[in-house]
N, C-alpha and C. Protein backbone atom coordinates (compact mmCIF):
# COMPACT_ATOMS: atom_id res chain seq x y z
N UNK A 1 0.83 -1.18 0.00
CA UNK A 1 0.00 0.00 0.00
C UNK A 1 0.87 1.24 0.00
N UNK A 2 2.02 1.09 -0.63
CA UNK A 2 2.92 2.23 -0.62
C UNK A 2 2.64 3.19 -1.76
N UNK A 3 1.74 2.82 -2.64
CA UNK A 3 1.46 3.67 -3.77
C UNK A 3 0.19 4.48 -3.54
N UNK A 4 -0.03 5.42 -4.42
CA UNK A 4 -1.23 6.21 -4.29
C UNK A 4 -1.74 6.66 -5.61
N UNK A 5 -2.95 6.25 -5.87
CA UNK A 5 -3.53 6.69 -7.10
C UNK A 5 -3.74 8.15 -7.00
N UNK A 6 -3.89 8.54 -5.85
CA UNK A 6 -4.12 9.93 -5.64
C UNK A 6 -2.87 10.50 -5.01
N UNK A 7 -1.84 9.73 -5.12
CA UNK A 7 -0.56 10.21 -4.71
C UNK A 7 -0.13 11.17 -5.78
N UNK A 8 -0.60 10.97 -6.92
CA UNK A 8 -0.30 11.91 -7.96
C UNK A 8 -0.73 13.23 -7.48
N UNK A 9 -1.84 13.20 -6.92
CA UNK A 9 -2.39 14.41 -6.38
C UNK A 9 -1.51 14.85 -5.26
N UNK A 10 -1.05 13.89 -4.58
CA UNK A 10 -0.21 14.13 -3.46
C UNK A 10 1.11 14.66 -3.90
N UNK A 11 1.54 14.12 -4.99
CA UNK A 11 2.82 14.52 -5.52
C UNK A 11 2.82 16.00 -5.77
N UNK A 12 1.84 16.45 -6.44
CA UNK A 12 1.79 17.86 -6.73
C UNK A 12 1.63 18.62 -5.45
N UNK A 13 0.93 18.02 -4.53
CA UNK A 13 0.71 18.69 -3.27
C UNK A 13 1.96 18.78 -2.47
N UNK A 14 2.82 17.81 -2.64
CA UNK A 14 4.03 17.84 -1.85
C UNK A 14 4.89 19.00 -2.29
N UNK A 15 4.66 19.42 -3.46
CA UNK A 15 5.39 20.57 -3.96
C UNK A 15 4.99 21.78 -3.18
N UNK A 16 3.89 21.60 -2.56
CA UNK A 16 3.30 22.65 -1.80
C UNK A 16 4.20 23.19 -0.73
N UNK A 17 5.00 22.33 -0.18
CA UNK A 17 5.81 22.77 0.93
C UNK A 17 6.74 23.90 0.55
N UNK A 18 6.94 24.07 -0.74
CA UNK A 18 7.79 25.17 -1.15
C UNK A 18 6.98 26.16 -1.92
N UNK A 19 7.46 27.32 -2.05
CA UNK A 19 6.68 28.28 -2.83
C UNK A 19 7.57 29.34 -3.32
N UNK A 20 7.08 30.56 -3.33
CA UNK A 20 7.93 31.63 -3.78
C UNK A 20 9.20 31.69 -2.95
N UNK A 21 9.06 31.30 -1.69
CA UNK A 21 10.22 31.33 -0.80
C UNK A 21 10.80 29.94 -0.68
N UNK A 22 11.07 29.30 -1.79
CA UNK A 22 11.59 27.94 -1.78
C UNK A 22 12.90 27.85 -1.02
N UNK A 23 13.69 28.84 -1.11
CA UNK A 23 14.99 28.79 -0.45
C UNK A 23 14.90 29.14 1.03
N UNK A 24 13.77 29.64 1.47
CA UNK A 24 13.63 30.05 2.85
C UNK A 24 12.89 28.99 3.66
N UNK A 25 13.47 27.79 3.78
CA UNK A 25 12.88 26.72 4.55
C UNK A 25 13.13 26.98 6.02
N UNK A 26 12.08 26.90 6.86
CA UNK A 26 12.27 27.12 8.29
C UNK A 26 13.33 26.16 8.83
N UNK A 27 14.02 26.60 9.88
CA UNK A 27 15.12 25.79 10.42
C UNK A 27 14.65 24.43 10.91
N UNK A 28 13.46 24.34 11.49
CA UNK A 28 12.97 23.07 12.03
C UNK A 28 12.35 22.18 10.96
N UNK A 29 12.06 22.71 9.79
CA UNK A 29 11.39 21.93 8.74
C UNK A 29 12.43 21.21 7.89
N UNK A 30 12.04 20.03 7.44
CA UNK A 30 12.91 19.28 6.54
C UNK A 30 12.92 20.00 5.19
N UNK A 31 14.07 20.02 4.52
CA UNK A 31 14.13 20.70 3.22
C UNK A 31 13.21 19.99 2.22
N UNK A 32 12.61 20.78 1.36
CA UNK A 32 11.73 20.21 0.35
C UNK A 32 12.58 19.53 -0.72
N UNK A 33 12.15 18.35 -1.15
CA UNK A 33 12.90 17.66 -2.21
C UNK A 33 13.02 18.54 -3.45
N UNK A 34 14.14 18.42 -4.13
CA UNK A 34 14.40 19.24 -5.31
C UNK A 34 13.31 19.08 -6.37
N UNK A 35 12.83 17.85 -6.56
CA UNK A 35 11.79 17.62 -7.56
C UNK A 35 10.55 18.45 -7.24
N UNK A 36 10.19 18.52 -5.99
CA UNK A 36 9.01 19.26 -5.59
C UNK A 36 9.22 20.75 -5.78
N UNK A 37 10.42 21.20 -5.50
CA UNK A 37 10.72 22.61 -5.72
C UNK A 37 10.56 22.95 -7.21
N UNK A 38 11.03 22.06 -8.07
CA UNK A 38 10.92 22.29 -9.51
C UNK A 38 9.46 22.30 -9.95
N UNK A 39 8.67 21.39 -9.43
CA UNK A 39 7.26 21.34 -9.81
C UNK A 39 6.54 22.61 -9.36
N UNK A 40 6.85 23.06 -8.16
CA UNK A 40 6.20 24.25 -7.63
C UNK A 40 6.46 25.46 -8.52
N UNK A 41 7.63 25.49 -9.13
CA UNK A 41 7.98 26.61 -10.01
C UNK A 41 7.12 26.64 -11.26
N UNK A 42 6.51 25.51 -11.61
CA UNK A 42 5.68 25.46 -12.82
C UNK A 42 4.24 25.87 -12.55
N UNK A 43 3.87 26.05 -11.29
CA UNK A 43 2.50 26.41 -10.95
C UNK A 43 2.23 27.88 -11.22
N UNK A 44 0.99 28.17 -11.47
CA UNK A 44 0.58 29.56 -11.58
C UNK A 44 0.72 30.19 -10.19
N UNK A 45 0.81 31.49 -10.10
CA UNK A 45 0.90 32.12 -8.78
C UNK A 45 -0.27 31.76 -7.87
N UNK A 46 -1.48 31.64 -8.46
CA UNK A 46 -2.65 31.29 -7.66
C UNK A 46 -2.56 29.88 -7.11
N UNK A 47 -2.10 28.93 -7.95
CA UNK A 47 -1.97 27.54 -7.49
C UNK A 47 -0.86 27.43 -6.45
N UNK A 48 0.22 28.15 -6.66
CA UNK A 48 1.33 28.13 -5.70
C UNK A 48 0.85 28.65 -4.35
N UNK A 49 0.07 29.71 -4.36
CA UNK A 49 -0.45 30.29 -3.12
C UNK A 49 -1.35 29.29 -2.40
N UNK A 50 -2.23 28.62 -3.15
CA UNK A 50 -3.13 27.63 -2.55
C UNK A 50 -2.32 26.46 -1.97
N UNK A 51 -1.33 26.03 -2.70
CA UNK A 51 -0.50 24.91 -2.25
C UNK A 51 0.27 25.27 -0.98
N UNK A 52 0.79 26.48 -0.96
CA UNK A 52 1.57 26.92 0.21
C UNK A 52 0.69 27.04 1.45
N UNK A 53 -0.59 27.26 1.28
CA UNK A 53 -1.50 27.44 2.41
C UNK A 53 -1.92 26.11 3.05
N UNK A 54 -1.58 24.99 2.43
CA UNK A 54 -1.95 23.70 3.01
C UNK A 54 -1.19 23.48 4.32
N UNK A 55 -1.80 22.73 5.22
CA UNK A 55 -1.19 22.49 6.52
C UNK A 55 0.10 21.67 6.38
N UNK A 56 1.01 21.82 7.33
CA UNK A 56 2.25 21.02 7.28
C UNK A 56 1.95 19.52 7.28
N UNK A 57 0.90 19.12 8.00
CA UNK A 57 0.54 17.70 8.05
C UNK A 57 0.11 17.19 6.68
N UNK A 58 -0.71 17.98 5.99
CA UNK A 58 -1.17 17.55 4.67
C UNK A 58 -0.01 17.57 3.68
N UNK A 59 0.85 18.55 3.78
CA UNK A 59 2.02 18.59 2.90
C UNK A 59 2.87 17.34 3.10
N UNK A 60 3.05 16.94 4.35
CA UNK A 60 3.84 15.73 4.64
C UNK A 60 3.15 14.49 4.08
N UNK A 61 1.83 14.44 4.20
CA UNK A 61 1.08 13.31 3.66
C UNK A 61 1.23 13.24 2.15
N UNK A 62 1.12 14.38 1.52
CA UNK A 62 1.26 14.44 0.06
C UNK A 62 2.66 14.00 -0.34
N UNK A 63 3.64 14.45 0.39
CA UNK A 63 5.02 14.07 0.08
C UNK A 63 5.20 12.57 0.24
N UNK A 64 4.61 12.00 1.28
CA UNK A 64 4.72 10.55 1.52
C UNK A 64 4.04 9.77 0.39
N UNK A 65 2.86 10.21 0.00
CA UNK A 65 2.16 9.53 -1.08
C UNK A 65 2.94 9.65 -2.39
N UNK A 66 3.49 10.82 -2.60
CA UNK A 66 4.27 11.06 -3.81
C UNK A 66 5.47 10.13 -3.87
N UNK A 67 6.11 9.93 -2.73
CA UNK A 67 7.31 9.09 -2.68
C UNK A 67 7.01 7.64 -3.08
N UNK A 68 5.75 7.22 -2.96
CA UNK A 68 5.38 5.87 -3.31
C UNK A 68 5.29 5.62 -4.82
N UNK A 69 5.48 6.66 -5.61
CA UNK A 69 5.39 6.55 -7.07
C UNK A 69 6.69 7.02 -7.71
N UNK A 70 7.62 6.12 -7.91
CA UNK A 70 8.92 6.54 -8.46
C UNK A 70 8.90 6.92 -9.94
N UNK A 71 7.88 6.49 -10.68
CA UNK A 71 7.84 6.80 -12.11
C UNK A 71 7.19 8.15 -12.34
N UNK A 72 7.82 9.00 -13.15
CA UNK A 72 7.33 10.34 -13.44
C UNK A 72 7.08 10.51 -14.93
N UNK A 73 5.95 11.07 -15.27
CA UNK A 73 5.64 11.36 -16.67
C UNK A 73 6.33 12.66 -17.07
N UNK A 74 6.81 12.71 -18.28
CA UNK A 74 7.44 13.93 -18.77
C UNK A 74 6.40 14.88 -19.35
N UNK A 75 5.46 14.33 -20.11
CA UNK A 75 4.45 15.16 -20.77
C UNK A 75 3.02 14.67 -20.54
N UNK A 76 2.86 13.49 -19.98
CA UNK A 76 1.54 12.89 -19.82
C UNK A 76 0.73 13.63 -18.75
N UNK A 77 -0.53 13.91 -19.09
CA UNK A 77 -1.41 14.65 -18.18
C UNK A 77 -2.13 13.69 -17.23
N UNK A 78 -2.82 14.25 -16.25
CA UNK A 78 -3.58 13.44 -15.31
C UNK A 78 -4.67 12.65 -16.03
N UNK A 79 -5.35 13.27 -16.97
CA UNK A 79 -6.40 12.56 -17.71
C UNK A 79 -5.82 11.35 -18.42
N UNK A 80 -4.66 11.50 -19.02
CA UNK A 80 -4.01 10.38 -19.71
C UNK A 80 -3.60 9.29 -18.72
N UNK A 81 -3.13 9.69 -17.55
CA UNK A 81 -2.78 8.71 -16.51
C UNK A 81 -4.03 7.95 -16.07
N UNK A 82 -5.14 8.67 -15.93
CA UNK A 82 -6.39 8.01 -15.56
C UNK A 82 -6.81 6.99 -16.62
N UNK A 83 -6.57 7.30 -17.90
CA UNK A 83 -6.87 6.34 -18.96
C UNK A 83 -5.98 5.10 -18.82
N UNK A 84 -4.73 5.30 -18.44
CA UNK A 84 -3.83 4.17 -18.22
C UNK A 84 -4.33 3.31 -17.06
N UNK A 85 -4.79 3.95 -16.00
CA UNK A 85 -5.32 3.22 -14.85
C UNK A 85 -6.56 2.43 -15.26
N UNK A 86 -7.43 3.03 -16.05
CA UNK A 86 -8.61 2.32 -16.54
C UNK A 86 -8.20 1.11 -17.37
N UNK A 87 -7.20 1.27 -18.20
CA UNK A 87 -6.71 0.16 -19.02
C UNK A 87 -6.22 -0.99 -18.14
N UNK A 88 -5.50 -0.66 -17.07
CA UNK A 88 -5.02 -1.70 -16.14
C UNK A 88 -6.20 -2.37 -15.45
N UNK A 89 -7.21 -1.59 -15.07
CA UNK A 89 -8.40 -2.15 -14.43
C UNK A 89 -9.09 -3.14 -15.37
N UNK A 90 -9.20 -2.77 -16.64
CA UNK A 90 -9.82 -3.66 -17.61
C UNK A 90 -8.99 -4.91 -17.83
N UNK A 91 -7.68 -4.78 -17.77
CA UNK A 91 -6.80 -5.94 -17.90
C UNK A 91 -7.00 -6.89 -16.71
N UNK A 92 -7.16 -6.33 -15.52
CA UNK A 92 -7.43 -7.15 -14.34
C UNK A 92 -8.74 -7.91 -14.52
N UNK A 93 -9.78 -7.21 -14.97
CA UNK A 93 -11.09 -7.85 -15.16
C UNK A 93 -11.00 -8.98 -16.17
N UNK A 94 -10.29 -8.75 -17.26
CA UNK A 94 -10.10 -9.79 -18.28
C UNK A 94 -9.37 -10.99 -17.69
N UNK A 95 -8.35 -10.72 -16.91
CA UNK A 95 -7.57 -11.81 -16.30
C UNK A 95 -8.41 -12.61 -15.31
N UNK A 96 -9.20 -11.92 -14.53
CA UNK A 96 -10.05 -12.63 -13.56
C UNK A 96 -11.07 -13.49 -14.28
N UNK A 97 -11.64 -12.97 -15.37
CA UNK A 97 -12.65 -13.72 -16.12
C UNK A 97 -12.09 -14.96 -16.79
N UNK A 98 -10.78 -14.93 -17.09
CA UNK A 98 -10.15 -16.06 -17.77
C UNK A 98 -9.23 -16.86 -16.85
N UNK A 99 -9.31 -16.58 -15.56
CA UNK A 99 -8.52 -17.31 -14.55
C UNK A 99 -7.02 -17.21 -14.81
N UNK A 100 -6.57 -16.01 -15.18
CA UNK A 100 -5.16 -15.77 -15.46
C UNK A 100 -4.57 -14.97 -14.29
N UNK A 101 -4.10 -15.69 -13.28
CA UNK A 101 -3.61 -15.07 -12.05
C UNK A 101 -2.41 -14.16 -12.29
N UNK A 102 -1.51 -14.57 -13.16
CA UNK A 102 -0.31 -13.76 -13.41
C UNK A 102 -0.67 -12.42 -14.02
N UNK A 103 -1.55 -12.45 -15.02
CA UNK A 103 -1.98 -11.19 -15.64
C UNK A 103 -2.68 -10.30 -14.63
N UNK A 104 -3.55 -10.89 -13.81
CA UNK A 104 -4.29 -10.10 -12.81
C UNK A 104 -3.33 -9.43 -11.84
N UNK A 105 -2.35 -10.19 -11.34
CA UNK A 105 -1.41 -9.65 -10.37
C UNK A 105 -0.54 -8.54 -10.98
N UNK A 106 -0.06 -8.77 -12.19
CA UNK A 106 0.80 -7.78 -12.83
C UNK A 106 0.04 -6.49 -13.16
N UNK A 107 -1.17 -6.64 -13.68
CA UNK A 107 -1.96 -5.45 -14.02
C UNK A 107 -2.33 -4.68 -12.75
N UNK A 108 -2.64 -5.39 -11.67
CA UNK A 108 -2.99 -4.73 -10.41
C UNK A 108 -1.80 -3.95 -9.86
N UNK A 109 -0.61 -4.51 -9.98
CA UNK A 109 0.58 -3.80 -9.50
C UNK A 109 0.89 -2.58 -10.38
N UNK A 110 0.66 -2.70 -11.67
CA UNK A 110 0.87 -1.54 -12.54
C UNK A 110 -0.13 -0.45 -12.20
N UNK A 111 -1.37 -0.83 -11.93
CA UNK A 111 -2.39 0.15 -11.55
C UNK A 111 -1.94 0.88 -10.28
N UNK A 112 -1.48 0.11 -9.30
CA UNK A 112 -1.09 0.70 -8.01
C UNK A 112 0.17 1.56 -8.12
N UNK A 113 0.98 1.30 -9.12
CA UNK A 113 2.24 2.06 -9.24
C UNK A 113 2.23 2.96 -10.47
N UNK A 114 1.06 3.50 -10.77
CA UNK A 114 0.94 4.37 -11.95
C UNK A 114 1.92 5.53 -11.89
N UNK A 115 2.17 6.11 -13.04
CA UNK A 115 3.08 7.26 -13.11
C UNK A 115 2.41 8.50 -12.52
N UNK A 116 3.24 9.41 -12.08
CA UNK A 116 2.77 10.71 -11.63
C UNK A 116 2.72 11.61 -12.87
N UNK A 117 1.61 12.33 -13.08
CA UNK A 117 1.51 13.15 -14.30
C UNK A 117 2.45 14.35 -14.28
N UNK A 118 2.63 14.90 -15.43
CA UNK A 118 3.46 16.11 -15.58
C UNK A 118 2.95 17.18 -14.61
N UNK A 119 3.84 17.70 -13.79
CA UNK A 119 3.47 18.74 -12.84
C UNK A 119 2.84 18.22 -11.57
N UNK A 120 2.66 16.91 -11.46
CA UNK A 120 2.03 16.35 -10.28
C UNK A 120 0.52 16.43 -10.40
N UNK A 121 -0.16 16.21 -9.32
CA UNK A 121 -1.62 16.16 -9.36
C UNK A 121 -2.29 17.51 -9.13
N UNK A 122 -1.75 18.30 -8.27
CA UNK A 122 -2.42 19.55 -7.89
C UNK A 122 -2.81 20.45 -9.06
N UNK A 123 -1.97 20.61 -10.07
CA UNK A 123 -2.35 21.53 -11.14
C UNK A 123 -3.61 21.12 -11.90
N UNK A 124 -4.04 19.89 -11.71
CA UNK A 124 -5.21 19.41 -12.43
C UNK A 124 -6.51 19.57 -11.63
N UNK A 125 -6.41 20.09 -10.43
CA UNK A 125 -7.58 20.33 -9.61
C UNK A 125 -8.01 21.78 -9.72
N UNK A 126 -9.29 22.00 -9.54
CA UNK A 126 -9.75 23.38 -9.51
C UNK A 126 -9.22 24.03 -8.23
N UNK A 127 -8.96 25.31 -8.28
CA UNK A 127 -8.38 26.01 -7.14
C UNK A 127 -9.21 25.86 -5.87
N UNK A 128 -10.53 25.79 -6.01
CA UNK A 128 -11.38 25.69 -4.82
C UNK A 128 -11.25 24.35 -4.12
N UNK A 129 -10.64 23.34 -4.77
CA UNK A 129 -10.45 22.02 -4.15
C UNK A 129 -9.07 21.87 -3.51
N UNK A 130 -8.20 22.84 -3.71
CA UNK A 130 -6.85 22.77 -3.15
C UNK A 130 -6.88 23.41 -1.77
N UNK A 131 -7.32 22.61 -0.80
CA UNK A 131 -7.41 23.04 0.59
C UNK A 131 -7.32 21.81 1.48
N UNK A 132 -7.14 22.04 2.77
CA UNK A 132 -6.94 20.94 3.71
C UNK A 132 -8.12 19.98 3.77
N UNK A 133 -9.34 20.50 3.75
CA UNK A 133 -10.51 19.63 3.86
C UNK A 133 -10.67 18.73 2.64
N UNK A 134 -10.64 19.32 1.47
CA UNK A 134 -10.85 18.52 0.26
C UNK A 134 -9.71 17.54 0.01
N UNK A 135 -8.49 17.99 0.12
CA UNK A 135 -7.35 17.10 -0.14
C UNK A 135 -7.12 16.11 0.99
N UNK A 136 -7.71 16.36 2.14
CA UNK A 136 -7.56 15.45 3.28
C UNK A 136 -8.13 14.07 3.06
N UNK A 137 -8.97 13.91 2.03
CA UNK A 137 -9.56 12.61 1.73
C UNK A 137 -8.63 11.73 0.89
N UNK A 138 -7.56 12.26 0.42
CA UNK A 138 -6.68 11.50 -0.48
C UNK A 138 -6.15 10.21 0.11
N UNK A 139 -5.69 10.19 1.35
CA UNK A 139 -5.18 8.92 1.87
C UNK A 139 -6.22 7.80 1.86
N UNK A 140 -7.46 8.11 2.22
CA UNK A 140 -8.50 7.09 2.22
C UNK A 140 -8.80 6.62 0.80
N UNK A 141 -8.83 7.55 -0.14
CA UNK A 141 -9.08 7.17 -1.53
C UNK A 141 -7.92 6.35 -2.08
N UNK A 142 -6.73 6.71 -1.70
CA UNK A 142 -5.55 5.97 -2.13
C UNK A 142 -5.59 4.54 -1.60
N UNK A 143 -5.99 4.40 -0.35
CA UNK A 143 -6.10 3.07 0.24
C UNK A 143 -7.13 2.24 -0.51
N UNK A 144 -8.25 2.86 -0.85
CA UNK A 144 -9.31 2.15 -1.56
C UNK A 144 -8.85 1.69 -2.94
N UNK A 145 -8.15 2.54 -3.66
CA UNK A 145 -7.76 2.21 -5.03
C UNK A 145 -6.46 1.41 -5.05
N UNK A 146 -5.37 2.03 -4.67
CA UNK A 146 -4.08 1.38 -4.80
C UNK A 146 -3.87 0.28 -3.76
N UNK A 147 -4.35 0.52 -2.54
CA UNK A 147 -4.24 -0.51 -1.51
C UNK A 147 -5.00 -1.76 -1.89
N UNK A 148 -6.21 -1.58 -2.42
CA UNK A 148 -7.01 -2.73 -2.86
C UNK A 148 -6.37 -3.43 -4.06
N UNK A 149 -5.76 -2.66 -4.95
CA UNK A 149 -5.08 -3.27 -6.10
C UNK A 149 -3.93 -4.16 -5.64
N UNK A 150 -3.20 -3.71 -4.63
CA UNK A 150 -2.08 -4.52 -4.13
C UNK A 150 -2.59 -5.77 -3.41
N UNK A 151 -3.71 -5.66 -2.70
CA UNK A 151 -4.31 -6.84 -2.07
C UNK A 151 -4.80 -7.82 -3.13
N UNK A 152 -5.35 -7.28 -4.21
CA UNK A 152 -5.80 -8.12 -5.30
C UNK A 152 -4.60 -8.88 -5.88
N UNK A 153 -3.49 -8.20 -6.08
CA UNK A 153 -2.29 -8.84 -6.62
C UNK A 153 -1.82 -9.97 -5.70
N UNK A 154 -1.83 -9.73 -4.40
CA UNK A 154 -1.41 -10.77 -3.44
C UNK A 154 -2.32 -11.98 -3.52
N UNK A 155 -3.62 -11.74 -3.60
CA UNK A 155 -4.58 -12.84 -3.69
C UNK A 155 -4.37 -13.63 -4.99
N UNK A 156 -4.14 -12.92 -6.08
CA UNK A 156 -3.90 -13.60 -7.37
C UNK A 156 -2.61 -14.40 -7.31
N UNK A 157 -1.57 -13.84 -6.70
CA UNK A 157 -0.31 -14.58 -6.56
C UNK A 157 -0.51 -15.87 -5.78
N UNK A 158 -1.44 -15.83 -4.82
CA UNK A 158 -1.72 -17.01 -4.00
C UNK A 158 -2.69 -17.96 -4.71
N UNK A 159 -3.15 -17.58 -5.89
CA UNK A 159 -4.08 -18.43 -6.63
C UNK A 159 -5.52 -18.36 -6.15
N UNK A 160 -5.80 -17.40 -5.30
CA UNK A 160 -7.15 -17.24 -4.76
C UNK A 160 -7.91 -16.22 -5.62
N UNK A 161 -8.41 -16.68 -6.74
CA UNK A 161 -9.06 -15.78 -7.69
C UNK A 161 -10.39 -15.22 -7.16
N UNK A 162 -11.19 -15.99 -6.42
CA UNK A 162 -12.41 -15.38 -5.87
C UNK A 162 -12.09 -14.22 -4.92
N UNK A 163 -11.06 -14.37 -4.09
CA UNK A 163 -10.69 -13.28 -3.18
C UNK A 163 -10.14 -12.10 -3.99
N UNK A 164 -9.36 -12.39 -5.01
CA UNK A 164 -8.83 -11.32 -5.87
C UNK A 164 -9.99 -10.55 -6.51
N UNK A 165 -10.96 -11.27 -7.00
CA UNK A 165 -12.11 -10.63 -7.67
C UNK A 165 -12.88 -9.73 -6.71
N UNK A 166 -12.90 -10.10 -5.43
CA UNK A 166 -13.64 -9.32 -4.44
C UNK A 166 -13.08 -7.91 -4.29
N UNK A 167 -11.81 -7.71 -4.62
CA UNK A 167 -11.20 -6.39 -4.49
C UNK A 167 -11.53 -5.45 -5.65
N UNK A 168 -12.09 -5.98 -6.72
CA UNK A 168 -12.43 -5.14 -7.88
C UNK A 168 -13.41 -4.02 -7.50
N UNK A 169 -14.42 -4.37 -6.70
CA UNK A 169 -15.40 -3.34 -6.33
C UNK A 169 -14.80 -2.30 -5.41
N UNK A 170 -13.83 -2.70 -4.57
CA UNK A 170 -13.16 -1.72 -3.69
C UNK A 170 -12.37 -0.71 -4.52
N UNK A 171 -11.70 -1.21 -5.54
CA UNK A 171 -10.94 -0.32 -6.42
C UNK A 171 -11.89 0.67 -7.11
N UNK A 172 -12.97 0.14 -7.67
CA UNK A 172 -13.90 1.01 -8.41
C UNK A 172 -14.59 2.00 -7.47
N UNK A 173 -14.91 1.56 -6.26
CA UNK A 173 -15.53 2.47 -5.29
C UNK A 173 -14.61 3.66 -5.01
N UNK A 174 -13.32 3.39 -4.86
CA UNK A 174 -12.35 4.47 -4.65
C UNK A 174 -12.25 5.39 -5.85
N UNK A 175 -12.25 4.82 -7.05
CA UNK A 175 -12.18 5.63 -8.27
C UNK A 175 -13.39 6.56 -8.37
N UNK A 176 -14.57 5.98 -8.18
CA UNK A 176 -15.80 6.76 -8.31
C UNK A 176 -15.86 7.86 -7.25
N UNK A 177 -15.46 7.54 -6.02
CA UNK A 177 -15.48 8.55 -4.95
C UNK A 177 -14.56 9.72 -5.28
N UNK A 178 -13.39 9.41 -5.81
CA UNK A 178 -12.44 10.48 -6.15
C UNK A 178 -12.98 11.32 -7.30
N UNK A 179 -13.56 10.67 -8.30
CA UNK A 179 -14.11 11.41 -9.43
C UNK A 179 -15.25 12.33 -8.98
N UNK A 180 -16.11 11.82 -8.11
CA UNK A 180 -17.22 12.66 -7.63
C UNK A 180 -16.71 13.84 -6.83
N UNK A 181 -15.64 13.63 -6.10
CA UNK A 181 -15.08 14.70 -5.27
C UNK A 181 -14.34 15.76 -6.09
N UNK A 182 -13.56 15.32 -7.06
CA UNK A 182 -12.65 16.24 -7.73
C UNK A 182 -12.92 16.50 -9.22
N UNK A 183 -13.53 15.58 -9.91
CA UNK A 183 -13.65 15.74 -11.36
C UNK A 183 -14.85 16.56 -11.79
N UNK A 184 -15.90 16.52 -11.03
CA UNK A 184 -17.11 17.21 -11.46
C UNK A 184 -17.94 16.29 -12.34
N UNK A 185 -18.96 16.84 -12.96
CA UNK A 185 -19.85 16.05 -13.80
C UNK A 185 -19.31 16.01 -15.22
N UNK A 186 -19.01 14.81 -15.72
CA UNK A 186 -18.49 14.72 -17.10
C UNK A 186 -19.48 15.33 -18.09
N UNK A 187 -18.95 16.09 -19.03
CA UNK A 187 -19.79 16.68 -20.05
C UNK A 187 -20.42 18.00 -19.67
N UNK A 188 -20.32 18.39 -18.41
CA UNK A 188 -20.89 19.66 -17.95
C UNK A 188 -19.77 20.69 -17.89
N UNK A 189 -20.00 21.84 -18.46
CA UNK A 189 -19.00 22.90 -18.45
C UNK A 189 -19.66 24.24 -18.16
N UNK A 190 -19.07 24.98 -17.26
CA UNK A 190 -19.55 26.32 -16.95
C UNK A 190 -19.31 27.28 -18.12
N UNK A 191 -18.52 26.84 -19.09
CA UNK A 191 -18.20 27.69 -20.22
C UNK A 191 -19.13 27.48 -21.41
N UNK A 192 -20.15 26.63 -21.25
CA UNK A 192 -21.12 26.40 -22.31
C UNK A 192 -22.47 26.98 -21.91
N UNK A 193 -23.15 27.58 -22.86
CA UNK A 193 -24.48 28.12 -22.56
C UNK A 193 -25.50 26.98 -22.64
N UNK A 194 -26.46 26.99 -21.75
CA UNK A 194 -27.54 26.01 -21.81
C UNK A 194 -28.49 26.43 -22.93
N UNK A 195 -29.27 25.49 -23.47
CA UNK A 195 -30.17 25.85 -24.57
C UNK A 195 -31.11 27.01 -24.23
N UNK A 196 -31.54 27.09 -22.96
CA UNK A 196 -32.48 28.15 -22.57
C UNK A 196 -31.82 29.52 -22.59
N UNK A 197 -30.52 29.59 -22.44
CA UNK A 197 -29.85 30.89 -22.35
C UNK A 197 -29.28 31.36 -23.68
N UNK A 198 -29.53 30.63 -24.75
CA UNK A 198 -28.98 31.03 -26.06
C UNK A 198 -29.73 32.20 -26.62
């Protein structure tokens, strides 16, 4: 459970610990990792300000979740990473349906160790969601998605396909909860006029 699907989110959040005053780290605080400092530099001033306002505890959590994902995307966006995660989920389902334990375990581990998108996760959230309350749900969502994927892999490795299959709904529950919290309603845009307002 060292990975985080929403560690990506965490990753970007960990950048939070640094900001305009990246070089002015308090004496008692651990220095921010160089990667996070670099990511923070790519944020808009508004995003940087929101990230810097996060609590030290949440910043540490984000940093911890981020550390669980060693692979970094150079240009891939969060939406593209989510498509990769969906592909792995579908591969797991196919493997479970065909009693292919090796495929199920490998796909589940790939899902749990997805890449962190370009710039981390924070830049892909609306500014109103970059706060302690909203981002505070990330560890639970990460446990539901990536933690369940790793449990599924262990069950598949042990040849217990019914137990492995039982984790599929836990993974999807975590995905849906995160989407409802952060993605908004697919197809709905505040930038489109409704038919009545044309």
